[in-house]
């Protein structure tokens, strides 16, 4: 029986789990108010970036459509 305990003691996976649990006990977890505030900040930043990317996509899409129409008009006027 002591052989099993010795093997478990020197097992890399067991050591990893033990060390991970030990590190988790050192973590300073945020309070509820901090968690809510930080979540709102993250959501706000995500929404702002989504709006900026939507605007950029719209501008490039309109520019692409304009260039295609311009090329089509140029090809037709050359004939």
C-alpha atoms as a PDB file:
ATOM      1  CA  UNK A   1       0.000   0.000   0.000  1.00  0.00           C
ATOM      2  CA  UNK A   2       2.859   2.397   0.693  1.00  0.00           C
ATOM      3  CA  UNK A   3       4.090   1.768  -2.871  1.00  0.00           C
ATOM      4  CA  UNK A   4       0.859   3.233  -4.265  1.00  0.00           C
ATOM      5  CA  UNK A   5       1.180   6.307  -2.042  1.00  0.00           C
ATOM      6  CA  UNK A   6       4.817   6.691  -3.089  1.00  0.00           C
ATOM      7  CA  UNK A   7       3.909   6.430  -6.788  1.00  0.00           C
ATOM      8  CA  UNK A   8       1.085   8.960  -6.358  1.00  0.00           C
ATOM      9  CA  UNK A   9       3.425  11.277  -4.490  1.00  0.00           C
ATOM     10  CA  UNK A  10       5.918  11.303  -7.369  1.00  0.00           C
ATOM     11  CA  UNK A  11       3.318  11.377 -10.161  1.00  0.00           C
ATOM     12  CA  UNK A  12       3.692  14.508 -12.325  1.00  0.00           C
ATOM     13  CA  UNK A  13      -0.061  14.854 -12.855  1.00  0.00           C
ATOM     14  CA  UNK A  14      -0.771  14.550  -9.131  1.00  0.00           C
ATOM     15  CA  UNK A  15       1.918  17.131  -8.399  1.00  0.00           C
ATOM     16  CA  UNK A  16       0.409  19.430 -11.012  1.00  0.00           C
ATOM     17  CA  UNK A  17      -3.048  19.184  -9.458  1.00  0.00           C
ATOM     18  CA  UNK A  18      -1.684  19.697  -5.950  1.00  0.00           C
ATOM     19  CA  UNK A  19       0.362  22.739  -7.027  1.00  0.00           C
ATOM     20  CA  UNK A  20      -2.577  24.192  -8.958  1.00  0.00           C
ATOM     21  CA  UNK A  21      -4.850  23.867  -5.933  1.00  0.00           C
ATOM     22  CA  UNK A  22      -2.196  25.478  -3.749  1.00  0.00           C
ATOM     23  CA  UNK A  23      -1.905  28.427  -6.164  1.00  0.00           C
ATOM     24  CA  UNK A  24      -5.689  28.855  -6.296  1.00  0.00           C
ATOM     25  CA  UNK A  25      -5.749  29.319  -2.530  1.00  0.00           C
ATOM     26  CA  UNK A  26      -3.444  32.345  -2.994  1.00  0.00           C
ATOM     27  CA  UNK A  27      -5.742  34.101  -5.498  1.00  0.00           C
ATOM     28  CA  UNK A  28      -7.447  37.286  -4.376  1.00  0.00           C
ATOM     29  CA  UNK A  29     -10.913  36.967  -5.877  1.00  0.00           C
ATOM     30  CA  UNK A  30     -12.846  40.137  -6.785  1.00  0.00           C
ATOM     31  CA  UNK A  31     -15.852  41.207  -4.795  1.00  0.00           C
ATOM     32  CA  UNK A  32     -19.296  41.067  -6.370  1.00  0.00           C
ATOM     33  CA  UNK A  33     -19.275  44.824  -7.032  1.00  0.00           C
ATOM     34  CA  UNK A  34     -15.833  44.647  -8.660  1.00  0.00           C
ATOM     35  CA  UNK A  35     -16.909  41.707 -10.830  1.00  0.00           C
ATOM     36  CA  UNK A  36     -20.056  43.519 -11.985  1.00  0.00           C
ATOM     37  CA  UNK A  37     -18.148  46.742 -12.693  1.00  0.00           C
ATOM     38  CA  UNK A  38     -15.408  44.965 -14.648  1.00  0.00           C
ATOM     39  CA  UNK A  39     -17.984  42.954 -16.602  1.00  0.00           C
ATOM     40  CA  UNK A  40     -19.767  46.152 -17.611  1.00  0.00           C
ATOM     41  CA  UNK A  41     -16.452  47.674 -18.698  1.00  0.00           C
ATOM     42  CA  UNK A  42     -15.594  44.613 -20.815  1.00  0.00           C
ATOM     43  CA  UNK A  43     -19.039  44.585 -22.436  1.00  0.00           C
ATOM     44  CA  UNK A  44     -18.801  48.315 -23.153  1.00  0.00           C
ATOM     45  CA  UNK A  45     -15.388  47.969 -24.794  1.00  0.00           C
ATOM     46  CA  UNK A  46     -16.637  45.005 -26.857  1.00  0.00           C
ATOM     47  CA  UNK A  47     -19.680  46.974 -28.024  1.00  0.00           C
ATOM     48  CA  UNK A  48     -17.513  49.980 -28.913  1.00  0.00           C
ATOM     49  CA  UNK A  49     -15.149  47.833 -30.981  1.00  0.00           C
ATOM     50  CA  UNK A  50     -18.109  46.114 -32.639  1.00  0.00           C
ATOM     51  CA  UNK A  51     -19.537  49.513 -33.611  1.00  0.00           C
ATOM     52  CA  UNK A  52     -16.170  50.678 -34.966  1.00  0.00           C
ATOM     53  CA  UNK A  53     -15.686  47.480 -36.975  1.00  0.00           C
ATOM     54  CA  UNK A  54     -19.238  47.726 -38.312  1.00  0.00           C
ATOM     55  CA  UNK A  55     -18.572  51.287 -39.470  1.00  0.00           C
ATOM     56  CA  UNK A  56     -15.278  50.286 -41.112  1.00  0.00           C
ATOM     57  CA  UNK A  57     -16.978  47.324 -42.827  1.00  0.00           C
ATOM     58  CA  UNK A  58     -19.746  49.599 -44.113  1.00  0.00           C
ATOM     59  CA  UNK A  59     -17.255  52.165 -45.465  1.00  0.00           C
ATOM     60  CA  UNK A  60     -15.169  49.516 -47.236  1.00  0.00           C
ATOM     61  CA  UNK A  61     -18.291  47.828 -48.599  1.00  0.00           C
ATOM     62  CA  UNK A  62     -19.594  51.093 -50.027  1.00  0.00           C
ATOM     63  CA  UNK A  63     -16.148  51.887 -51.457  1.00  0.00           C
ATOM     64  CA  UNK A  64     -15.995  48.452 -53.057  1.00  0.00           C
ATOM     65  CA  UNK A  65     -19.451  48.920 -54.604  1.00  0.00           C
ATOM     66  CA  UNK A  66     -18.460  52.364 -55.879  1.00  0.00           C
ATOM     67  CA  UNK A  67     -15.280  51.015 -57.498  1.00  0.00           C
ATOM     68  CA  UNK A  68     -17.161  48.181 -59.194  1.00  0.00           C
ATOM     69  CA  UNK A  69     -19.796  50.592 -60.520  1.00  0.00           C
ATOM     70  CA  UNK A  70     -17.075  53.001 -61.677  1.00  0.00           C
ATOM     71  CA  UNK A  71     -15.224  50.200 -63.485  1.00  0.00           C
ATOM     72  CA  UNK A  72     -18.471  49.024 -65.108  1.00  0.00           C
ATOM     73  CA  UNK A  73     -19.336  52.565 -66.217  1.00  0.00           C
ATOM     74  CA  UNK A  74     -15.802  53.103 -67.551  1.00  0.00           C
ATOM     75  CA  UNK A  75     -15.942  49.867 -69.535  1.00  0.00           C
ATOM     76  CA  UNK A  76     -19.326  50.799 -71.035  1.00  0.00           C
ATOM     77  CA  UNK A  77     -18.276  54.349 -71.948  1.00  0.00           C
ATOM     78  CA  UNK A  78     -15.125  53.057 -73.699  1.00  0.00           C
ATOM     79  CA  UNK A  79     -17.231  51.003 -76.111  1.00  0.00           C
END
